[in-house]
Amino acid sequence: MPKKPKADTSWITDDLINALAFRESSMNPNAVNKESGASGLYGWMPAYFEKGLEVGFGVDKGPFDPFDPVESRKRTRQYLEGLQKYYPEWDPTEVLTAYNWGHSNVKKFREGTWEGDIESRAFKEAMNYAPLIYKHMEEQPYKDLLYRLGEPEQIQDLLDRGEPSTYMLLDEDPFESTI
């Protein structure tokens, strides 16, 4: 059996993951989609975080707290990198589309065997997902947002653990009303 080519995952950067969090939750670690139940910064589905359904692709196994920004960020990176390694011939747009729409849908669409409705909301959302992530990366509308995880000491602890692009320490609360 021939070996798969080595996948390039260098495009999966902190900026990309920040843009994905903005797209999925507007950088709100407590976000919950009322329709799907997708939760947390990265929109993890309940089957994975509550029931522990195995995601595969090298993502840690078992239930987890999607509202924990560090854990959900780690699993999001694992998932994106795992998809790219499993499908090394896919470009970043296809991997991001798979994050949103499911890898089996992207695979069938590439093969010409997908039989869904191109007028459906889900299809249109999937086709627009990666371009919106790229737009967020370019414009960085989230760069001044702070999502509070606790007291400054707790945020500093997270910074010390290696998540500097996700957390910022600010002198004042950007959400506090100035009126």
Protein backbone atom coordinates (compact mmCIF):
# COMPACT_ATOMS: atom_id res chain seq x y z
CA MET A 1 0.00 0.00 0.00
CA PRO A 2 1.46 3.39 -0.95
CA LYS A 3 2.17 5.87 1.83
CA LYS A 4 0.10 9.03 2.07
CA PRO A 5 2.05 12.21 1.43
CA LYS A 6 3.06 14.18 4.52
CA ALA A 7 0.44 16.78 5.34
CA ASP A 8 1.33 20.43 5.82
CA THR A 9 -0.40 21.71 8.94
CA SER A 10 1.61 24.93 9.21
CA TRP A 11 -1.44 26.94 8.12
CA ILE A 12 -3.20 25.98 11.37
CA THR A 13 -2.02 28.97 13.37
CA ASP A 14 -3.16 30.71 16.53
CA ASP A 15 -4.62 33.47 14.34
CA LEU A 16 -6.67 30.92 12.41
CA ILE A 17 -7.96 29.32 15.60
CA ASN A 18 -8.85 32.76 16.98
CA ALA A 19 -10.74 33.54 13.77
CA LEU A 20 -12.54 30.21 14.04
CA ALA A 21 -13.55 31.02 17.63
CA PHE A 22 -14.88 34.38 16.48
CA ARG A 23 -16.90 32.72 13.74
CA GLU A 24 -18.27 29.97 15.98
CA SER A 25 -19.06 31.99 19.11
CA SER A 26 -18.07 35.66 18.70
CA MET A 27 -15.31 34.77 21.20
CA ASN A 28 -17.88 33.89 23.87
CA PRO A 29 -16.64 30.85 25.83
CA ASN A 30 -20.17 30.33 27.19
CA ALA A 31 -21.93 30.35 23.82
CA VAL A 32 -24.58 27.71 23.10
CA ASN A 33 -26.31 27.38 19.73
CA LYS A 34 -30.01 26.93 20.53
CA GLU A 35 -30.63 24.86 17.37
CA SER A 36 -27.70 22.47 17.36
CA GLY A 37 -26.40 22.61 20.93
CA ALA A 38 -22.91 23.51 19.65
CA SER A 39 -21.13 24.95 22.66
CA GLY A 40 -18.15 26.97 23.77
CA LEU A 41 -15.71 29.06 21.79
CA TYR A 42 -15.32 26.49 19.02
CA GLY A 43 -18.85 25.14 18.70
CA TRP A 44 -18.31 21.58 19.91
CA MET A 45 -21.32 19.32 19.49
CA PRO A 46 -22.95 17.64 22.54
CA ALA A 47 -22.35 14.11 21.22
CA TYR A 48 -18.61 14.73 21.62
CA PHE A 49 -18.38 16.75 24.84
CA GLU A 50 -21.27 15.20 26.84
CA LYS A 51 -21.37 11.62 25.66
CA GLY A 52 -17.69 11.30 24.81
CA LEU A 53 -18.36 10.11 21.27
CA GLU A 54 -14.96 9.62 19.69
CA VAL A 55 -14.09 12.36 17.22
CA GLY A 56 -11.13 10.47 15.80
CA PHE A 57 -8.38 12.20 13.83
CA GLY A 58 -6.09 12.24 16.87
CA VAL A 59 -8.45 14.21 19.11
CA ASP A 60 -8.29 13.31 22.80
CA LYS A 61 -10.98 10.79 23.76
CA GLY A 62 -13.77 11.14 26.30
CA PRO A 63 -16.22 13.75 27.52
CA PHE A 64 -14.89 17.26 28.19
CA ASP A 65 -16.01 20.74 29.13
CA PRO A 66 -16.56 22.75 25.91
CA PHE A 67 -16.69 25.91 28.02
CA ASP A 68 -13.07 25.42 29.09
CA PRO A 69 -11.25 27.58 26.53
CA VAL A 70 -7.91 25.83 26.94
CA GLU A 71 -9.27 22.28 26.57
CA SER A 72 -11.61 23.10 23.69
CA ARG A 73 -8.87 25.05 21.89
CA LYS A 74 -6.51 22.08 22.23
CA ARG A 75 -9.11 19.68 20.83
CA THR A 76 -9.96 22.09 17.99
CA ARG A 77 -6.30 22.23 16.96
CA GLN A 78 -6.04 18.44 17.22
CA TYR A 79 -9.12 18.06 15.02
CA LEU A 80 -7.93 20.46 12.33
CA GLU A 81 -4.45 18.94 12.25
CA GLY A 82 -5.91 15.42 12.26
CA LEU A 83 -8.22 16.20 9.34
CA GLN A 84 -5.31 17.64 7.34
CA LYS A 85 -3.12 14.61 8.08
CA TYR A 86 -5.89 12.17 7.17
CA TYR A 87 -6.68 14.08 3.98
CA PRO A 88 -3.26 15.47 2.94
CA GLU A 89 -4.57 16.22 -0.56
CA TRP A 90 -7.18 18.62 0.83
CA ASP A 91 -6.44 22.31 0.86
CA PRO A 92 -7.10 24.45 3.97
CA THR A 93 -10.48 25.56 2.62
CA GLU A 94 -11.65 21.95 2.42
CA VAL A 95 -10.38 21.19 5.94
CA LEU A 96 -12.17 24.24 7.36
CA THR A 97 -15.32 23.29 5.47
CA ALA A 98 -15.06 19.81 7.00
CA TYR A 99 -14.81 21.36 10.47
CA ASN A 100 -18.15 23.05 9.83
CA TRP A 101 -19.98 20.56 7.60
CA GLY A 102 -18.38 17.21 8.42
CA HIS A 103 -15.55 15.43 6.64
CA SER A 104 -17.82 12.84 5.04
CA ASN A 105 -19.87 15.58 3.35
CA VAL A 106 -16.72 17.23 1.99
CA LYS A 107 -15.37 13.88 0.80
CA LYS A 108 -18.61 13.04 -1.03
CA PHE A 109 -18.82 16.54 -2.49
CA ARG A 110 -15.26 16.22 -3.83
CA GLU A 111 -16.08 12.83 -5.33
CA GLY A 112 -19.30 14.09 -6.88
CA THR A 113 -21.41 11.64 -4.87
CA TRP A 114 -22.99 14.10 -2.43
CA GLU A 115 -26.75 14.10 -2.97
CA GLY A 116 -27.84 16.95 -0.74
CA ASP A 117 -29.70 20.14 -1.52
CA ILE A 118 -27.45 22.97 -2.73
CA GLU A 119 -30.19 25.41 -1.76
CA SER A 120 -30.18 24.26 1.88
CA ARG A 121 -29.02 26.59 4.63
CA ALA A 122 -26.45 24.02 5.80
CA PHE A 123 -24.86 23.77 2.34
CA LYS A 124 -24.71 27.54 1.88
CA GLU A 125 -23.23 27.99 5.35
CA ALA A 126 -20.62 25.31 4.65
CA MET A 127 -19.59 26.90 1.35
CA ASN A 128 -19.19 30.31 3.01
CA TYR A 129 -17.46 29.05 6.17
CA ALA A 130 -13.79 29.08 5.12
CA PRO A 131 -13.99 32.46 3.29
CA LEU A 132 -15.46 33.98 6.47
CA ILE A 133 -12.64 32.50 8.57
CA TYR A 134 -10.09 34.01 6.17
CA LYS A 135 -11.88 37.36 6.33
CA HIS A 136 -11.81 37.26 10.15
CA MET A 137 -8.09 36.43 10.04
CA GLU A 138 -7.44 39.44 7.84
CA GLU A 139 -9.62 41.93 9.70
CA GLN A 140 -9.20 40.48 13.23
CA PRO A 141 -12.46 41.95 14.56
CA TYR A 142 -11.84 40.10 17.82
CA LYS A 143 -8.42 41.52 18.63
CA ASP A 144 -9.71 43.89 21.32
CA LEU A 145 -12.09 41.42 22.95
CA LEU A 146 -11.43 39.91 26.32
CA TYR A 147 -13.36 36.94 27.55
CA ARG A 148 -13.16 36.68 31.26
CA LEU A 149 -12.18 33.36 32.73
CA GLY A 150 -11.75 34.61 36.25
CA GLU A 151 -9.46 36.86 38.17
CA PRO A 152 -6.28 38.31 36.60
CA GLU A 153 -4.18 35.69 38.41
CA GLN A 154 -6.10 32.89 36.65
CA ILE A 155 -5.70 34.60 33.27
CA GLN A 156 -1.97 35.07 33.95
CA ASP A 157 -1.72 31.36 34.78
CA LEU A 158 -3.23 30.55 31.37
CA LEU A 159 -0.76 32.91 29.70
CA ASP A 160 2.08 31.16 31.52
CA ARG A 161 0.81 27.79 30.25
CA GLY A 162 1.27 28.89 26.63
CA GLU A 163 -1.94 30.42 25.29
CA PRO A 164 -0.74 34.00 24.75
CA SER A 165 -2.63 34.68 21.53
CA THR A 166 -5.95 33.75 23.10
CA TYR A 167 -5.88 35.78 26.30
CA MET A 168 -5.10 39.43 26.88
CA LEU A 169 -4.67 41.32 30.12
CA LEU A 170 -6.22 44.76 29.93
CA ASP A 171 -6.12 47.62 32.40
CA GLU A 172 -9.85 48.22 32.04
CA ASP A 173 -12.86 46.11 31.22
CA PRO A 174 -13.81 46.66 27.53
CA PHE A 175 -17.34 45.47 28.29
CA GLU A 176 -17.95 47.95 31.10
CA SER A 177 -20.34 50.67 30.08
CA THR A 178 -18.92 54.17 29.89
CA ILE A 179 -22.40 55.77 30.03
